[in-house]
Protein backbone atom coordinates (compact mmCIF):
# COMPACT_ATOMS: atom_id res chain seq x y z
CA MET A 1 10.98 -43.49 -41.07
CA ALA A 2 9.99 -41.17 -38.31
CA ALA A 3 12.31 -42.38 -35.94
CA GLY A 4 15.16 -41.89 -38.04
CA TRP A 5 14.42 -38.57 -39.06
CA LEU A 6 14.07 -37.71 -35.25
CA LYS A 7 16.79 -39.31 -34.25
CA GLU A 8 18.93 -37.31 -37.06
CA ARG A 9 17.50 -33.97 -35.79
CA TRP A 10 18.80 -34.64 -32.25
CA GLN A 11 22.45 -35.70 -33.44
CA ILE A 12 22.26 -32.12 -35.51
CA LEU A 13 21.21 -30.27 -32.60
CA ARG A 14 23.69 -32.07 -29.70
CA GLU A 15 26.32 -31.07 -32.62
CA ASN A 16 25.50 -27.84 -32.78
CA SER A 17 24.86 -27.74 -28.93
CA GLU A 18 28.71 -29.42 -28.49
CA ASP A 19 29.91 -26.53 -31.41
CA TRP A 20 28.12 -23.46 -29.21
CA PHE A 21 29.15 -24.48 -25.53
CA GLY A 22 32.89 -26.42 -26.95
CA SER A 23 31.92 -29.77 -25.30
CA ARG A 24 29.88 -32.07 -23.62
CA ARG A 25 31.62 -30.94 -19.85
CA SER A 26 31.00 -27.42 -20.57
CA MET A 27 27.45 -28.26 -21.60
CA THR A 28 27.08 -29.67 -18.16
CA TRP A 29 28.62 -26.79 -16.64
CA ALA A 30 26.47 -24.15 -18.17
CA ALA A 31 23.39 -26.32 -17.17
CA LEU A 32 24.63 -26.62 -13.79
CA VAL A 33 25.31 -22.53 -13.21
CA LEU A 34 21.85 -22.22 -15.01
CA GLY A 35 20.61 -24.23 -12.51
CA VAL A 36 21.82 -22.76 -9.74
CA TYR A 37 20.94 -19.13 -10.69
CA LEU A 38 17.63 -19.99 -10.98
CA LEU A 39 17.58 -21.53 -7.63
CA LEU A 40 19.15 -18.15 -6.16
CA VAL A 41 16.76 -15.87 -8.39
CA CYS A 42 13.71 -18.24 -6.45
CA MET A 43 15.06 -18.04 -2.88
CA LEU A 44 15.76 -14.17 -2.76
CA GLY A 45 11.99 -14.03 -4.47
CA ILE A 46 10.58 -15.71 -1.64
CA TYR A 47 12.68 -13.88 1.00
CA TRP A 48 11.79 -10.47 -0.61
CA SER A 49 8.56 -11.14 -0.70
CA ARG A 50 8.13 -11.35 2.89
CA GLU A 51 6.19 -8.29 4.70
CA PRO A 52 7.81 -6.18 6.85
CA GLY A 53 6.47 -6.09 10.59
CA ASN A 54 5.11 -3.53 12.82
CA ILE A 55 7.05 -0.49 13.70
CA PRO A 56 6.87 0.26 17.12
CA VAL A 57 5.29 3.67 17.04
CA GLN A 58 6.33 5.21 20.79
CA GLN A 59 10.14 4.41 19.40
CA THR A 60 9.78 6.43 16.03
CA ALA A 61 10.08 9.69 17.55
CA SER A 62 13.43 11.08 17.96
CA GLY A 63 14.53 14.36 19.90
CA PRO A 64 11.77 16.90 21.67
CA VAL A 65 8.37 15.62 21.57
CA VAL A 66 5.57 18.44 20.73
CA ILE A 67 2.28 17.58 18.89
CA GLY A 68 3.22 16.13 15.43
CA THR A 69 6.00 14.65 16.12
CA VAL A 70 4.79 10.95 16.54
CA THR A 71 2.32 11.77 13.05
CA THR A 72 5.53 13.17 11.40
CA ASN A 73 8.02 10.74 12.67
CA THR A 74 5.54 7.56 11.85
CA LEU A 75 5.07 8.60 8.54
CA ILE A 76 8.90 8.95 8.07
CA ALA A 77 9.48 5.56 9.49
CA VAL A 78 6.64 3.59 7.09
CA SER A 79 8.24 5.57 4.19
CA GLU A 80 11.60 4.49 4.72
CA THR A 81 10.28 0.80 5.45
CA LEU A 82 8.51 0.96 2.05
CA LEU A 83 12.58 1.97 0.09
CA ASP A 84 14.75 0.00 2.51
CA LYS A 85 12.67 -3.37 3.18
CA PRO A 86 14.44 -6.72 2.24
CA GLY A 87 14.72 -6.02 -1.93
CA GLY A 88 13.99 -2.40 -1.46
CA PHE A 89 11.46 -0.87 -3.97
CA LEU A 90 10.67 -3.28 -5.90
CA THR A 91 7.71 -2.33 -8.10
CA ASN A 92 10.18 -0.41 -10.65
CA ASP A 93 12.40 -3.41 -10.70
CA ILE A 94 13.41 -4.37 -14.36
CA THR A 95 15.60 -7.52 -13.40
CA PRO A 96 14.61 -10.98 -11.73
CA PRO A 97 13.68 -11.49 -8.90
CA GLY A 98 12.25 -8.27 -8.82
CA LEU A 99 10.43 -8.32 -12.04
CA LEU A 100 8.77 -11.85 -11.62
CA LEU A 101 7.17 -10.92 -8.62
CA ASP A 102 3.61 -8.89 -8.34
CA ASN A 103 2.10 -9.43 -4.55
CA MET A 104 4.85 -7.27 -2.93
CA PRO A 105 5.04 -4.64 -5.50
CA ALA A 106 0.94 -4.50 -5.11
CA TRP A 107 1.60 -4.19 -1.38
CA GLU A 108 4.13 -1.06 -2.18
CA TYR A 109 1.30 0.21 -4.08
CA GLY A 110 -1.03 0.05 -0.99
CA VAL A 111 1.12 1.53 1.40
CA LEU A 112 2.50 4.35 -1.11
CA ILE A 113 -1.41 5.87 -1.59
CA GLN A 114 -1.99 5.58 2.16
CA VAL A 115 1.50 7.40 2.40
CA ARG A 116 0.39 10.21 -0.39
CA ASP A 117 -3.19 11.01 1.39
CA LEU A 118 -1.30 11.65 4.86
CA THR A 119 0.98 13.63 3.31
CA ARG A 120 -1.58 15.64 1.54
CA ALA A 121 -3.44 15.84 4.68
CA MET A 122 -0.41 17.08 6.35
CA ARG A 123 0.16 20.17 3.96
CA GLU A 124 -3.18 21.27 3.55
CA SER A 125 -4.65 20.61 6.77
CA PHE A 126 -2.64 19.48 9.87
CA SER A 127 -0.27 22.39 9.45
CA ARG A 128 -2.37 24.88 8.66
CA SER A 129 -4.65 26.52 11.15
CA GLN A 130 -7.36 28.07 8.53
CA SER A 131 -7.95 27.74 4.78
CA GLN A 132 -6.14 31.15 4.07
CA SER A 133 -3.25 30.34 5.73
CA THR A 134 0.07 29.68 4.40
CA GLU A 135 1.24 26.12 3.53
CA ASP A 136 4.10 25.02 5.38
CA PRO A 137 7.30 24.88 2.60
CA ASP A 138 8.68 21.24 3.31
CA LEU A 139 5.64 19.43 3.25
CA ALA A 140 4.80 21.93 0.13
CA LYS A 141 7.76 19.88 -1.55
CA ALA A 142 7.32 16.75 0.03
CA GLU A 143 3.97 16.03 -1.19
CA PRO A 144 4.63 15.97 -5.07
CA ARG A 145 7.68 13.84 -4.62
CA PHE A 146 5.63 10.99 -2.96
CA ASN A 147 3.09 11.56 -5.72
CA PHE A 148 5.77 10.62 -8.56
CA SER A 149 5.50 7.61 -10.76
CA ASN A 150 5.81 4.14 -9.05
CA ASN A 151 7.57 2.08 -11.82
CA SER A 152 10.21 5.15 -13.15
CA TRP A 153 13.47 2.90 -12.75
CA ALA A 154 15.73 5.87 -13.71
CA VAL A 155 16.06 9.52 -14.70
CA PRO A 156 14.76 9.97 -11.88
CA ALA A 157 14.26 6.70 -10.31
CA SER A 158 11.01 6.43 -8.04
CA GLU A 159 12.95 5.48 -4.95
CA SER A 160 15.52 8.97 -5.22
CA GLU A 161 11.96 11.16 -5.53
CA TYR A 162 10.64 9.50 -2.52
CA ARG A 163 13.54 9.84 -0.40
CA ASP A 164 13.84 13.31 -1.40
CA GLY A 165 10.31 13.65 -0.03
CA ILE A 166 11.53 11.96 3.16
CA GLU A 167 14.08 14.51 3.42
CA PHE A 168 11.44 17.18 3.31
CA LEU A 169 9.39 15.77 5.92
CA LYS A 170 12.23 15.54 8.50
CA ALA A 171 12.90 19.06 7.60
CA TYR A 172 9.61 19.97 8.69
CA ARG A 173 9.84 17.54 11.85
CA ASP A 174 13.06 19.15 13.22
CA ARG A 175 11.42 22.27 12.58
CA LEU A 176 8.66 21.49 14.10
CA ALA A 177 10.68 20.52 17.42
CA ASN A 178 12.06 23.94 17.45
CA THR A 179 10.45 25.69 20.46
CA ASP A 180 12.13 29.18 19.42
CA ASP A 181 10.70 29.26 15.69
CA PRO A 182 7.28 29.01 15.75
CA GLN A 183 6.60 28.84 11.74
CA ALA A 184 6.39 24.84 11.53
CA GLN A 185 2.90 23.73 13.21
CA PHE A 186 0.91 20.52 13.72
CA TYR A 187 -2.94 21.69 14.78
CA ALA A 188 -4.31 18.77 16.15
CA ARG A 189 -7.72 19.82 15.93
CA ALA A 190 -11.28 17.75 15.28
CA ASP A 191 -11.61 18.90 11.94
CA ASN A 192 -8.57 17.95 10.85
CA LEU A 193 -8.59 14.57 11.92
CA ARG A 194 -12.24 14.51 10.01
CA TYR A 195 -10.21 15.81 6.71
CA TRP A 196 -7.71 12.82 6.34
CA LEU A 197 -10.17 10.20 7.89
CA ALA A 198 -12.35 11.30 4.89
CA SER A 199 -10.05 10.01 2.37
CA VAL A 200 -9.30 6.97 4.27
CA GLU A 201 -13.24 5.86 4.27
CA SER A 202 -13.04 6.59 0.54
CA ARG A 203 -10.05 4.24 -0.14
CA LEU A 204 -11.20 1.50 1.83
CA GLY A 205 -14.53 1.70 0.61
CA SER A 206 -13.31 1.35 -3.05
CA LEU A 207 -10.98 -1.53 -2.03
CA SER A 208 -13.87 -3.19 -0.21
CA GLN A 209 -15.89 -3.17 -3.27
CA ARG A 210 -12.88 -4.28 -5.19
CA LEU A 211 -12.34 -7.28 -2.80
CA SER A 212 -16.08 -7.92 -3.20
CA ALA A 213 -15.87 -8.43 -6.72
CA SER A 214 -13.57 -11.65 -6.46
CA VAL A 215 -16.81 -13.51 -6.52
CA GLY A 216 -18.39 -11.71 -9.67
CA GLN A 217 -21.73 -9.56 -8.89
CA ARG A 218 -25.02 -8.10 -10.40
CA ARG A 219 -25.05 -4.91 -8.66
CA LEU A 220 -28.10 -2.44 -9.65
CA ASN A 221 -26.64 1.34 -10.58
CA THR A 222 -27.00 3.71 -7.38
CA ASP A 223 -24.70 6.54 -8.80
CA LEU A 224 -27.02 8.90 -8.80
CA ALA A 225 -29.72 7.65 -5.90
CA ASN A 226 -31.53 10.02 -3.63
CA GLU A 227 -30.51 13.19 -5.79
CA THR A 228 -33.54 13.94 -8.45
CA GLY A 229 -31.24 16.40 -9.71
CA ALA A 230 -28.52 15.13 -10.23
CA ARG A 231 -27.04 14.22 -13.58
CA GLN A 232 -23.64 12.35 -14.97
CA SER A 233 -21.52 12.42 -17.88
CA THR A 234 -23.13 9.34 -19.86
CA ALA A 235 -25.67 7.13 -19.83
CA ALA A 236 -24.82 3.86 -17.98
CA PRO A 237 -26.46 0.51 -17.17
CA GLY A 238 -29.32 -0.08 -14.32
CA GLU A 239 -27.46 -3.26 -13.67
CA MET A 240 -23.87 -4.28 -14.54
CA VAL A 241 -22.21 -7.44 -13.60
CA VAL A 242 -19.00 -6.24 -11.70
CA LYS A 243 -16.13 -9.28 -11.40
CA THR A 244 -12.05 -8.96 -11.15
CA PRO A 245 -10.01 -10.26 -13.59
CA TRP A 246 -8.82 -13.76 -12.29
CA LEU A 247 -4.79 -12.74 -12.57
CA LYS A 248 -5.98 -9.19 -10.57
CA ILE A 249 -7.43 -10.64 -7.53
CA ASP A 250 -4.11 -11.32 -5.91
CA ASP A 251 -3.10 -8.43 -6.70
CA ILE A 252 -5.92 -6.18 -4.82
CA PHE A 253 -5.64 -8.22 -2.08
CA TYR A 254 -2.32 -7.37 -1.41
CA GLU A 255 -2.64 -3.76 -2.27
CA ALA A 256 -5.49 -4.27 0.49
CA ARG A 257 -2.95 -5.51 2.88
CA GLY A 258 -0.51 -2.83 2.48
CA GLY A 259 -2.66 0.18 2.93
CA SER A 260 -3.69 -1.65 6.07
CA TRP A 261 -0.42 -2.60 7.35
CA ALA A 262 0.07 1.57 6.54
CA LEU A 263 -2.89 2.62 8.15
CA ILE A 264 -2.32 0.56 11.72
CA HIS A 265 0.36 2.65 11.97
CA PHE A 266 -1.02 5.98 10.70
CA LEU A 267 -3.62 5.84 13.31
CA ARG A 268 -1.81 4.57 16.57
CA ALA A 269 0.41 7.90 15.54
CA VAL A 270 -3.02 9.93 15.59
CA GLU A 271 -4.12 8.41 18.33
CA ARG A 272 -1.46 9.71 20.37
CA ASP A 273 -1.15 13.07 18.96
CA PHE A 274 -5.22 13.79 18.80
CA ALA A 275 -5.25 12.62 22.26
CA ASP A 276 -7.03 15.70 23.90
CA VAL A 277 -9.19 15.79 20.82
CA LEU A 278 -10.23 12.21 21.23
CA ALA A 279 -10.69 12.29 24.77
CA ASN A 280 -12.74 15.51 24.63
CA LYS A 281 -15.17 13.54 22.39
CA ASN A 282 -14.74 10.25 24.26
CA ALA A 283 -13.82 8.58 20.67
CA GLN A 284 -10.64 6.73 22.10
CA VAL A 285 -12.53 3.59 21.88
CA SER A 286 -13.80 3.74 19.01
CA LEU A 287 -10.62 4.95 16.95
CA ARG A 288 -8.90 1.67 18.77
CA GLN A 289 -11.51 -0.62 17.43
CA ILE A 290 -10.58 1.00 14.00
CA ILE A 291 -6.71 -0.43 14.30
CA ARG A 292 -8.19 -3.78 15.85
CA GLU A 293 -10.08 -4.59 12.76
CA LEU A 294 -6.74 -3.63 10.61
CA GLU A 295 -4.96 -6.01 12.63
CA GLN A 296 -7.28 -8.68 11.54
CA THR A 297 -6.21 -8.13 8.38
CA GLN A 298 -2.30 -8.85 8.73
CA GLN A 299 -2.56 -12.49 9.90
CA PRO A 300 -0.49 -14.98 8.65
CA ILE A 301 -1.81 -16.72 5.39
CA TYR A 302 -1.10 -20.03 5.54
CA SER A 303 -2.42 -21.37 1.56
CA PRO A 304 0.61 -20.76 -0.73
CA MET A 305 -1.80 -18.68 -2.92
CA VAL A 306 -4.83 -16.00 -2.80
CA LEU A 307 -7.59 -18.50 -2.89
CA ASN A 308 -10.98 -17.75 -5.11
CA GLY A 309 -13.30 -19.91 -3.76
CA SER A 310 -16.96 -18.80 -4.26
CA GLY A 311 -18.84 -17.00 -1.52
CA PHE A 312 -20.53 -20.51 -0.15
CA GLY A 313 -18.36 -23.11 -1.70
CA LEU A 314 -15.80 -25.31 -0.61
CA LEU A 315 -12.77 -23.28 -1.12
CA ALA A 316 -11.68 -20.53 1.03
CA ASN A 317 -12.25 -16.80 -0.48
CA HIS A 318 -9.46 -14.68 1.19
CA SER A 319 -10.47 -11.25 -0.76
CA LEU A 320 -14.16 -11.95 0.88
CA VAL A 321 -12.50 -12.41 4.41
CA MET A 322 -10.34 -9.40 3.74
CA ALA A 323 -13.06 -7.28 2.37
CA SER A 324 -15.29 -8.03 5.15
CA TYR A 325 -12.66 -6.71 7.82
CA ILE A 326 -12.03 -3.84 5.54
CA SER A 327 -15.72 -3.23 5.51
CA ARG A 328 -16.00 -3.26 9.24
CA ALA A 329 -13.38 -0.83 9.86
CA ASN A 330 -14.61 1.76 7.04
CA ALA A 331 -17.88 1.78 8.70
CA ALA A 332 -16.30 2.60 12.37
CA ILE A 333 -14.20 5.25 10.29
CA ILE A 334 -17.68 6.55 9.39
CA ASP A 335 -19.01 6.83 12.62
CA LEU A 336 -15.90 7.90 14.06
CA ARG A 337 -16.26 11.09 11.63
CA GLU A 338 -19.86 11.60 12.32
CA LEU A 339 -18.58 11.57 16.51
CA LEU A 340 -15.89 14.40 15.54
CA SER A 341 -18.43 16.18 13.91
CA LYS A 342 -20.28 17.02 16.79
CA GLY A 343 -19.90 19.69 19.49
């Protein structure tokens, strides 16, 4: 009786399908079109998920090269790559395949954070001779553009705001290269470099902690350590379990990978614009070692997915490997900032 009921339901379903599509031939064509569409979406998603290669920093400078030109041009090049890579900017996509991807949007967010930090440093420090000096008008307009929401798809779209920011950076670069107009400046000083490296240090420290939490840890609360008079808003337990949700592990991994990719380019540019400062502090090797550590984060991933094995288990844990390289780079940045602070 059950078999007869199933046969009857199947017959009704087939008749309804034929009424909807017209005939069995139409159903076949509809299935074929759907299959081709899904295949194209998958292939396009794979292509769009490819990370951009390195940007030759020495080739980003166009026109007269003055102090600050290489850093500004590199910031522009990284920002343009973020928007113009295969698939464009995917974070705010509302249609497939961009809607179905999550690793590349996480990579984009990592790059965007570094772009925001460097733009802020250029506005608040690199382009100003002292704390009481006037900020550059183009940089003052560029920074808020890059701090616009990264998931707005219309009115205005995130891309349009970021492109406006790039145009203001280009205007600053052109004024910087104009030796007849000294209004635009880039001050390559040790204290300015330390200002930006402080934000880099904070970002890498946070990423290292989030990556290490992929296996779950019981951590002691050290928020108020070493200062007896320190207080915090609300009480917190003395020990807590920190573990990254399983679905967020690959997002944090690719955010760290994207941020490291951007930092490699920015540090190479800084090495050229702050060459005299670094030479005076004998710090060139320290900076190059930071770049070397971050370059290790860009090695090809041969696994089809980000593995999350236990610390000493049978499977690899890609997050812990990434955390190792970033922690080493962060420690080197702390040493470099200390070196730059000495007379």
